């Protein structure tokens, strides 16, 4: 029965919530990338030899992939470059949605536990609103040790995510994505840098000292 008599540190559990969520998301993204890499690496061979969902008409030099015809599209470019980019874009969306949702939950629950009234949101992003509120809860200054990570997430990732959602060009640059006249090409390295930034933020959050009453 000793195992049931220990008091659960709910605040510690809350603070580890972001670390848990990003670890699961990173595992999911890694599995997506493994499957995507496997598919694209074999795609040229599938077009030549056929495969599930691929029909080859040797008389008309015609190939179709799940009813998408080579007469209408460049299948190599479409299935090996264009469409995989949408997968990486969706990963940016997933990560940002998880980050905002999880931080909002942690901030709300910590505020309830400490009986601290939620402050009004100023002219700031939802992400920064939650970060600043966490800093107020913990009684630490804005120059927190994770400020570089926060700046990257807010001033680069958030802006890229918003531009992708609205179909516009991001007004920021990064070595791991490319902006062309027609689209923003996201690399897996950029997605992974987002993952690692959130993971680093989660570690700071989980080990942050609690302000003394």
C-alpha atoms as a PDB file:
ATOM      1  CA  UNK A   1       0.000   0.000   0.000  1.00  0.00           C
ATOM      2  CA  UNK A   2       2.992   2.309   0.319  1.00  0.00           C
ATOM      3  CA  UNK A   3       2.792   3.076  -3.376  1.00  0.00           C
ATOM      4  CA  UNK A   4      -0.669   4.580  -2.900  1.00  0.00           C
ATOM      5  CA  UNK A   5       0.256   6.684   0.103  1.00  0.00           C
ATOM      6  CA  UNK A   6       2.744   8.922  -1.707  1.00  0.00           C
ATOM      7  CA  UNK A   7       1.464  12.375  -2.516  1.00  0.00           C
ATOM      8  CA  UNK A   8       1.377  13.047  -6.228  1.00  0.00           C
ATOM      9  CA  UNK A   9       3.114  16.276  -7.199  1.00  0.00           C
ATOM     10  CA  UNK A  10       0.479  17.586  -9.600  1.00  0.00           C
ATOM     11  CA  UNK A  11       2.483  20.685 -10.449  1.00  0.00           C
ATOM     12  CA  UNK A  12       5.477  18.593 -11.484  1.00  0.00           C
ATOM     13  CA  UNK A  13       3.204  16.412 -13.612  1.00  0.00           C
ATOM     14  CA  UNK A  14       1.760  19.488 -15.299  1.00  0.00           C
ATOM     15  CA  UNK A  15       5.175  20.942 -15.999  1.00  0.00           C
ATOM     16  CA  UNK A  16       6.278  17.688 -17.639  1.00  0.00           C
ATOM     17  CA  UNK A  17       3.224  17.703 -19.881  1.00  0.00           C
ATOM     18  CA  UNK A  18       4.881  19.555 -22.751  1.00  0.00           C
ATOM     19  CA  UNK A  19       7.882  17.209 -22.646  1.00  0.00           C
ATOM     20  CA  UNK A  20       5.557  14.209 -22.946  1.00  0.00           C
ATOM     21  CA  UNK A  21       3.575  15.718 -25.811  1.00  0.00           C
ATOM     22  CA  UNK A  22       6.601  16.724 -27.865  1.00  0.00           C
ATOM     23  CA  UNK A  23       8.222  13.314 -27.331  1.00  0.00           C
ATOM     24  CA  UNK A  24       5.110  11.613 -28.733  1.00  0.00           C
ATOM     25  CA  UNK A  25       4.921  14.090 -31.618  1.00  0.00           C
ATOM     26  CA  UNK A  26       8.598  13.564 -32.476  1.00  0.00           C
ATOM     27  CA  UNK A  27       8.071   9.801 -32.558  1.00  0.00           C
ATOM     28  CA  UNK A  28       5.046  10.208 -34.823  1.00  0.00           C
ATOM     29  CA  UNK A  29       6.903  12.549 -37.196  1.00  0.00           C
ATOM     30  CA  UNK A  30       9.893  10.215 -37.319  1.00  0.00           C
ATOM     31  CA  UNK A  31       7.614   7.346 -38.333  1.00  0.00           C
ATOM     32  CA  UNK A  32       5.979   9.526 -40.981  1.00  0.00           C
ATOM     33  CA  UNK A  33       9.388  10.406 -42.394  1.00  0.00           C
ATOM     34  CA  UNK A  34      10.528   6.786 -42.479  1.00  0.00           C
ATOM     35  CA  UNK A  35       7.457   5.758 -44.453  1.00  0.00           C
ATOM     36  CA  UNK A  36       7.668   8.799 -46.733  1.00  0.00           C
ATOM     37  CA  UNK A  37      11.369   8.250 -47.466  1.00  0.00           C
ATOM     38  CA  UNK A  38      10.712   4.581 -48.196  1.00  0.00           C
ATOM     39  CA  UNK A  39       7.892   5.430 -50.618  1.00  0.00           C
ATOM     40  CA  UNK A  40       9.702   8.189 -52.496  1.00  0.00           C
ATOM     41  CA  UNK A  41      12.920   6.170 -52.809  1.00  0.00           C
ATOM     42  CA  UNK A  42      11.000   3.355 -54.500  1.00  0.00           C
ATOM     43  CA  UNK A  43       8.669   5.543 -56.539  1.00  0.00           C
ATOM     44  CA  UNK A  44      10.699   5.619 -59.778  1.00  0.00           C
ATOM     45  CA  UNK A  45      10.904   1.839 -59.778  1.00  0.00           C
ATOM     46  CA  UNK A  46       7.161   1.575 -59.158  1.00  0.00           C
ATOM     47  CA  UNK A  47       6.460   3.739 -62.190  1.00  0.00           C
ATOM     48  CA  UNK A  48       8.562   1.429 -64.323  1.00  0.00           C
ATOM     49  CA  UNK A  49       7.484  -1.919 -62.920  1.00  0.00           C
ATOM     50  CA  UNK A  50       4.067  -1.256 -61.440  1.00  0.00           C
ATOM     51  CA  UNK A  51       2.814  -1.586 -57.920  1.00  0.00           C
ATOM     52  CA  UNK A  52      -0.258  -1.245 -55.791  1.00  0.00           C
ATOM     53  CA  UNK A  53      -2.442   1.523 -57.211  1.00  0.00           C
ATOM     54  CA  UNK A  54      -0.156   1.969 -60.226  1.00  0.00           C
ATOM     55  CA  UNK A  55      -1.313   0.989 -63.723  1.00  0.00           C
ATOM     56  CA  UNK A  56       1.046   0.831 -66.682  1.00  0.00           C
ATOM     57  CA  UNK A  57      -0.288   0.919 -70.252  1.00  0.00           C
ATOM     58  CA  UNK A  58       2.623  -0.231 -72.382  1.00  0.00           C
ATOM     59  CA  UNK A  59       0.790   0.423 -75.651  1.00  0.00           C
ATOM     60  CA  UNK A  60       0.254   4.136 -75.038  1.00  0.00           C
ATOM     61  CA  UNK A  61       3.292   4.863 -72.842  1.00  0.00           C
ATOM     62  CA  UNK A  62       0.870   5.843 -70.123  1.00  0.00           C
ATOM     63  CA  UNK A  63       1.105   5.419 -66.344  1.00  0.00           C
ATOM     64  CA  UNK A  64      -1.469   6.267 -63.709  1.00  0.00           C
ATOM     65  CA  UNK A  65      -1.056   6.435 -59.933  1.00  0.00           C
ATOM     66  CA  UNK A  66      -4.393   5.974 -58.154  1.00  0.00           C
ATOM     67  CA  UNK A  67      -6.103   7.400 -61.270  1.00  0.00           C
ATOM     68  CA  UNK A  68      -3.686  10.354 -61.546  1.00  0.00           C
ATOM     69  CA  UNK A  69      -2.382  10.173 -65.099  1.00  0.00           C
ATOM     70  CA  UNK A  70       1.103  10.819 -66.447  1.00  0.00           C
ATOM     71  CA  UNK A  71      -0.652  12.530 -69.360  1.00  0.00           C
ATOM     72  CA  UNK A  72      -1.731  15.310 -67.012  1.00  0.00           C
ATOM     73  CA  UNK A  73       1.023  15.517 -64.401  1.00  0.00           C
ATOM     74  CA  UNK A  74       4.726  15.009 -63.938  1.00  0.00           C
ATOM     75  CA  UNK A  75       4.329  12.073 -61.579  1.00  0.00           C
ATOM     76  CA  UNK A  76       7.967  12.006 -60.514  1.00  0.00           C
ATOM     77  CA  UNK A  77       7.984  15.642 -59.435  1.00  0.00           C
ATOM     78  CA  UNK A  78       4.486  15.494 -57.948  1.00  0.00           C
ATOM     79  CA  UNK A  79       4.899  12.386 -55.803  1.00  0.00           C
ATOM     80  CA  UNK A  80       8.564  12.779 -54.893  1.00  0.00           C
ATOM     81  CA  UNK A  81       8.754  16.547 -54.323  1.00  0.00           C
ATOM     82  CA  UNK A  82       5.515  18.531 -54.360  1.00  0.00           C
ATOM     83  CA  UNK A  83       3.258  16.300 -52.270  1.00  0.00           C
ATOM     84  CA  UNK A  84       5.939  15.347 -49.689  1.00  0.00           C
ATOM     85  CA  UNK A  85       6.337  19.073 -49.052  1.00  0.00           C
ATOM     86  CA  UNK A  86       2.706  19.139 -47.922  1.00  0.00           C
ATOM     87  CA  UNK A  87       3.534  16.403 -45.417  1.00  0.00           C
ATOM     88  CA  UNK A  88       6.294  18.552 -43.914  1.00  0.00           C
ATOM     89  CA  UNK A  89       3.983  21.588 -43.911  1.00  0.00           C
ATOM     90  CA  UNK A  90       1.393  19.540 -42.020  1.00  0.00           C
ATOM     91  CA  UNK A  91       4.090  18.609 -39.487  1.00  0.00           C
ATOM     92  CA  UNK A  92       4.734  22.312 -38.851  1.00  0.00           C
ATOM     93  CA  UNK A  93       0.983  22.762 -38.296  1.00  0.00           C
ATOM     94  CA  UNK A  94       0.799  19.784 -35.916  1.00  0.00           C
ATOM     95  CA  UNK A  95       3.729  20.944 -33.831  1.00  0.00           C
ATOM     96  CA  UNK A  96       2.443  24.483 -33.478  1.00  0.00           C
ATOM     97  CA  UNK A  97      -1.085  23.356 -32.606  1.00  0.00           C
ATOM     98  CA  UNK A  98       0.310  20.991 -29.970  1.00  0.00           C
ATOM     99  CA  UNK A  99       2.564  23.701 -28.524  1.00  0.00           C
ATOM    100  CA  UNK A 100      -0.198  26.305 -28.176  1.00  0.00           C
ATOM    101  CA  UNK A 101      -2.768  23.833 -26.841  1.00  0.00           C
ATOM    102  CA  UNK A 102      -0.421  22.250 -24.297  1.00  0.00           C
ATOM    103  CA  UNK A 103       0.998  25.533 -23.009  1.00  0.00           C
ATOM    104  CA  UNK A 104      -2.494  26.991 -22.658  1.00  0.00           C
ATOM    105  CA  UNK A 105      -3.583  23.992 -20.599  1.00  0.00           C
ATOM    106  CA  UNK A 106      -0.508  24.113 -18.354  1.00  0.00           C
ATOM    107  CA  UNK A 107      -0.885  27.848 -17.742  1.00  0.00           C
ATOM    108  CA  UNK A 108      -4.579  27.514 -16.925  1.00  0.00           C
ATOM    109  CA  UNK A 109      -4.122  24.633 -14.504  1.00  0.00           C
ATOM    110  CA  UNK A 110      -1.105  26.177 -12.747  1.00  0.00           C
ATOM    111  CA  UNK A 111      -3.040  29.418 -12.319  1.00  0.00           C
ATOM    112  CA  UNK A 112      -5.947  27.502 -10.788  1.00  0.00           C
ATOM    113  CA  UNK A 113      -3.662  25.586  -8.432  1.00  0.00           C
ATOM    114  CA  UNK A 114      -1.995  28.764  -7.203  1.00  0.00           C
ATOM    115  CA  UNK A 115      -5.253  30.719  -7.203  1.00  0.00           C
ATOM    116  CA  UNK A 116      -3.749  33.350  -9.493  1.00  0.00           C
ATOM    117  CA  UNK A 117      -6.095  35.364 -11.648  1.00  0.00           C
ATOM    118  CA  UNK A 118      -5.471  35.110 -15.372  1.00  0.00           C
ATOM    119  CA  UNK A 119      -3.992  38.331 -16.688  1.00  0.00           C
ATOM    120  CA  UNK A 120      -5.396  40.080 -19.733  1.00  0.00           C
ATOM    121  CA  UNK A 121      -3.761  39.333 -23.045  1.00  0.00           C
ATOM    122  CA  UNK A 122      -1.816  42.259 -24.421  1.00  0.00           C
ATOM    123  CA  UNK A 123      -0.749  42.926 -28.017  1.00  0.00           C
ATOM    124  CA  UNK A 124       1.111  39.617 -28.280  1.00  0.00           C
ATOM    125  CA  UNK A 125       0.776  36.181 -29.792  1.00  0.00           C
ATOM    126  CA  UNK A 126      -1.015  33.433 -27.880  1.00  0.00           C
ATOM    127  CA  UNK A 127       2.332  31.670 -27.522  1.00  0.00           C
ATOM    128  CA  UNK A 128       4.047  34.694 -25.979  1.00  0.00           C
ATOM    129  CA  UNK A 129       0.987  35.342 -23.816  1.00  0.00           C
ATOM    130  CA  UNK A 130       1.374  31.882 -22.274  1.00  0.00           C
ATOM    131  CA  UNK A 131       5.147  32.195 -21.904  1.00  0.00           C
ATOM    132  CA  UNK A 132       4.890  35.569 -20.151  1.00  0.00           C
ATOM    133  CA  UNK A 133       2.124  34.262 -17.898  1.00  0.00           C
ATOM    134  CA  UNK A 134       4.290  31.294 -16.916  1.00  0.00           C
ATOM    135  CA  UNK A 135       7.064  33.712 -16.090  1.00  0.00           C
ATOM    136  CA  UNK A 136       4.698  35.700 -13.884  1.00  0.00           C
ATOM    137  CA  UNK A 137       3.568  32.522 -12.135  1.00  0.00           C
ATOM    138  CA  UNK A 138       7.186  31.569 -11.454  1.00  0.00           C
ATOM    139  CA  UNK A 139       8.311  35.081 -10.630  1.00  0.00           C
ATOM    140  CA  UNK A 140      11.153  35.108 -13.131  1.00  0.00           C
ATOM    141  CA  UNK A 141      12.132  37.908 -15.535  1.00  0.00           C
ATOM    142  CA  UNK A 142      11.572  37.942 -19.279  1.00  0.00           C
ATOM    143  CA  UNK A 143      15.271  37.284 -19.777  1.00  0.00           C
ATOM    144  CA  UNK A 144      14.701  33.636 -18.934  1.00  0.00           C
ATOM    145  CA  UNK A 145      17.369  31.060 -19.939  1.00  0.00           C
ATOM    146  CA  UNK A 146      15.122  29.864 -22.771  1.00  0.00           C
ATOM    147  CA  UNK A 147      14.713  33.289 -24.405  1.00  0.00           C
ATOM    148  CA  UNK A 148      16.563  32.250 -27.589  1.00  0.00           C
ATOM    149  CA  UNK A 149      14.248  29.273 -28.026  1.00  0.00           C
ATOM    150  CA  UNK A 150      11.180  31.448 -27.409  1.00  0.00           C
ATOM    151  CA  UNK A 151      12.394  34.007 -29.942  1.00  0.00           C
ATOM    152  CA  UNK A 152      12.911  31.343 -32.606  1.00  0.00           C
ATOM    153  CA  UNK A 153       9.512  29.784 -32.021  1.00  0.00           C
ATOM    154  CA  UNK A 154       7.632  33.088 -31.944  1.00  0.00           C
ATOM    155  CA  UNK A 155       9.534  35.169 -34.479  1.00  0.00           C
ATOM    156  CA  UNK A 156      10.239  32.450 -37.008  1.00  0.00           C
ATOM    157  CA  UNK A 157       8.123  29.305 -36.627  1.00  0.00           C
ATOM    158  CA  UNK A 158       4.882  31.078 -35.734  1.00  0.00           C
ATOM    159  CA  UNK A 159       5.271  33.474 -38.665  1.00  0.00           C
ATOM    160  CA  UNK A 160       6.065  30.655 -41.075  1.00  0.00           C
ATOM    161  CA  UNK A 161       3.087  28.677 -39.814  1.00  0.00           C
ATOM    162  CA  UNK A 162       0.749  31.659 -40.201  1.00  0.00           C
ATOM    163  CA  UNK A 163       2.036  32.371 -43.720  1.00  0.00           C
ATOM    164  CA  UNK A 164       1.504  28.739 -44.726  1.00  0.00           C
ATOM    165  CA  UNK A 165      -2.031  28.742 -43.324  1.00  0.00           C
ATOM    166  CA  UNK A 166      -2.966  31.889 -45.246  1.00  0.00           C
ATOM    167  CA  UNK A 167      -1.126  30.985 -48.440  1.00  0.00           C
ATOM    168  CA  UNK A 168       1.287  33.892 -48.247  1.00  0.00           C
ATOM    169  CA  UNK A 169       5.050  34.132 -48.210  1.00  0.00           C
ATOM    170  CA  UNK A 170       6.719  34.253 -44.773  1.00  0.00           C
ATOM    171  CA  UNK A 171       8.566  37.482 -44.037  1.00  0.00           C
ATOM    172  CA  UNK A 172      11.351  35.593 -42.259  1.00  0.00           C
ATOM    173  CA  UNK A 173      14.166  33.408 -43.535  1.00  0.00           C
ATOM    174  CA  UNK A 174      15.866  30.237 -42.402  1.00  0.00           C
ATOM    175  CA  UNK A 175      18.531  28.008 -43.898  1.00  0.00           C
ATOM    176  CA  UNK A 176      16.220  25.001 -43.759  1.00  0.00           C
ATOM    177  CA  UNK A 177      13.326  26.322 -45.855  1.00  0.00           C
ATOM    178  CA  UNK A 178      13.143  27.965 -49.252  1.00  0.00           C
ATOM    179  CA  UNK A 179      10.633  30.503 -50.514  1.00  0.00           C
ATOM    180  CA  UNK A 180       9.965  30.467 -54.269  1.00  0.00           C
ATOM    181  CA  UNK A 181       7.560  32.482 -56.389  1.00  0.00           C
ATOM    182  CA  UNK A 182       4.848  29.868 -55.903  1.00  0.00           C
ATOM    183  CA  UNK A 183       5.477  28.073 -52.621  1.00  0.00           C
ATOM    184  CA  UNK A 184       7.458  27.631 -49.435  1.00  0.00           C
ATOM    185  CA  UNK A 185       9.543  24.459 -49.476  1.00  0.00           C
ATOM    186  CA  UNK A 186       9.952  23.072 -45.966  1.00  0.00           C
ATOM    187  CA  UNK A 187      12.805  20.663 -45.255  1.00  0.00           C
ATOM    188  CA  UNK A 188      12.743  17.866 -42.714  1.00  0.00           C
ATOM    189  CA  UNK A 189      15.653  19.629 -40.985  1.00  0.00           C
ATOM    190  CA  UNK A 190      13.443  22.657 -40.319  1.00  0.00           C
ATOM    191  CA  UNK A 191      10.718  20.459 -38.844  1.00  0.00           C
ATOM    192  CA  UNK A 192      13.272  18.723 -36.649  1.00  0.00           C
ATOM    193  CA  UNK A 193      14.685  22.030 -35.437  1.00  0.00           C
ATOM    194  CA  UNK A 194      11.164  22.982 -34.348  1.00  0.00           C
ATOM    195  CA  UNK A 195      10.905  19.670 -32.506  1.00  0.00           C
ATOM    196  CA  UNK A 196      14.189  20.184 -30.708  1.00  0.00           C
ATOM    197  CA  UNK A 197      13.318  23.777 -29.792  1.00  0.00           C
ATOM    198  CA  UNK A 198      10.024  22.711 -28.225  1.00  0.00           C
ATOM    199  CA  UNK A 199      11.801  19.836 -26.503  1.00  0.00           C
ATOM    200  CA  UNK A 200      14.355  22.251 -25.028  1.00  0.00           C
ATOM    201  CA  UNK A 201      11.586  24.595 -23.892  1.00  0.00           C
ATOM    202  CA  UNK A 202       9.811  21.646 -22.272  1.00  0.00           C
ATOM    203  CA  UNK A 203      12.920  20.791 -20.278  1.00  0.00           C
ATOM    204  CA  UNK A 204      13.226  24.326 -18.960  1.00  0.00           C
ATOM    205  CA  UNK A 205       9.557  24.284 -18.064  1.00  0.00           C
ATOM    206  CA  UNK A 206       9.754  20.932 -16.267  1.00  0.00           C
ATOM    207  CA  UNK A 207      12.718  22.002 -14.134  1.00  0.00           C
ATOM    208  CA  UNK A 208      11.814  25.647 -13.579  1.00  0.00           C
ATOM    209  CA  UNK A 209      12.043  26.760  -9.946  1.00  0.00           C
ATOM    210  CA  UNK A 210       8.718  27.594  -8.386  1.00  0.00           C
ATOM    211  CA  UNK A 211       8.448  31.089  -6.976  1.00  0.00           C
ATOM    212  CA  UNK A 212       8.310  31.085  -3.187  1.00  0.00           C
ATOM    213  CA  UNK A 213       5.070  32.235  -1.623  1.00  0.00           C
END
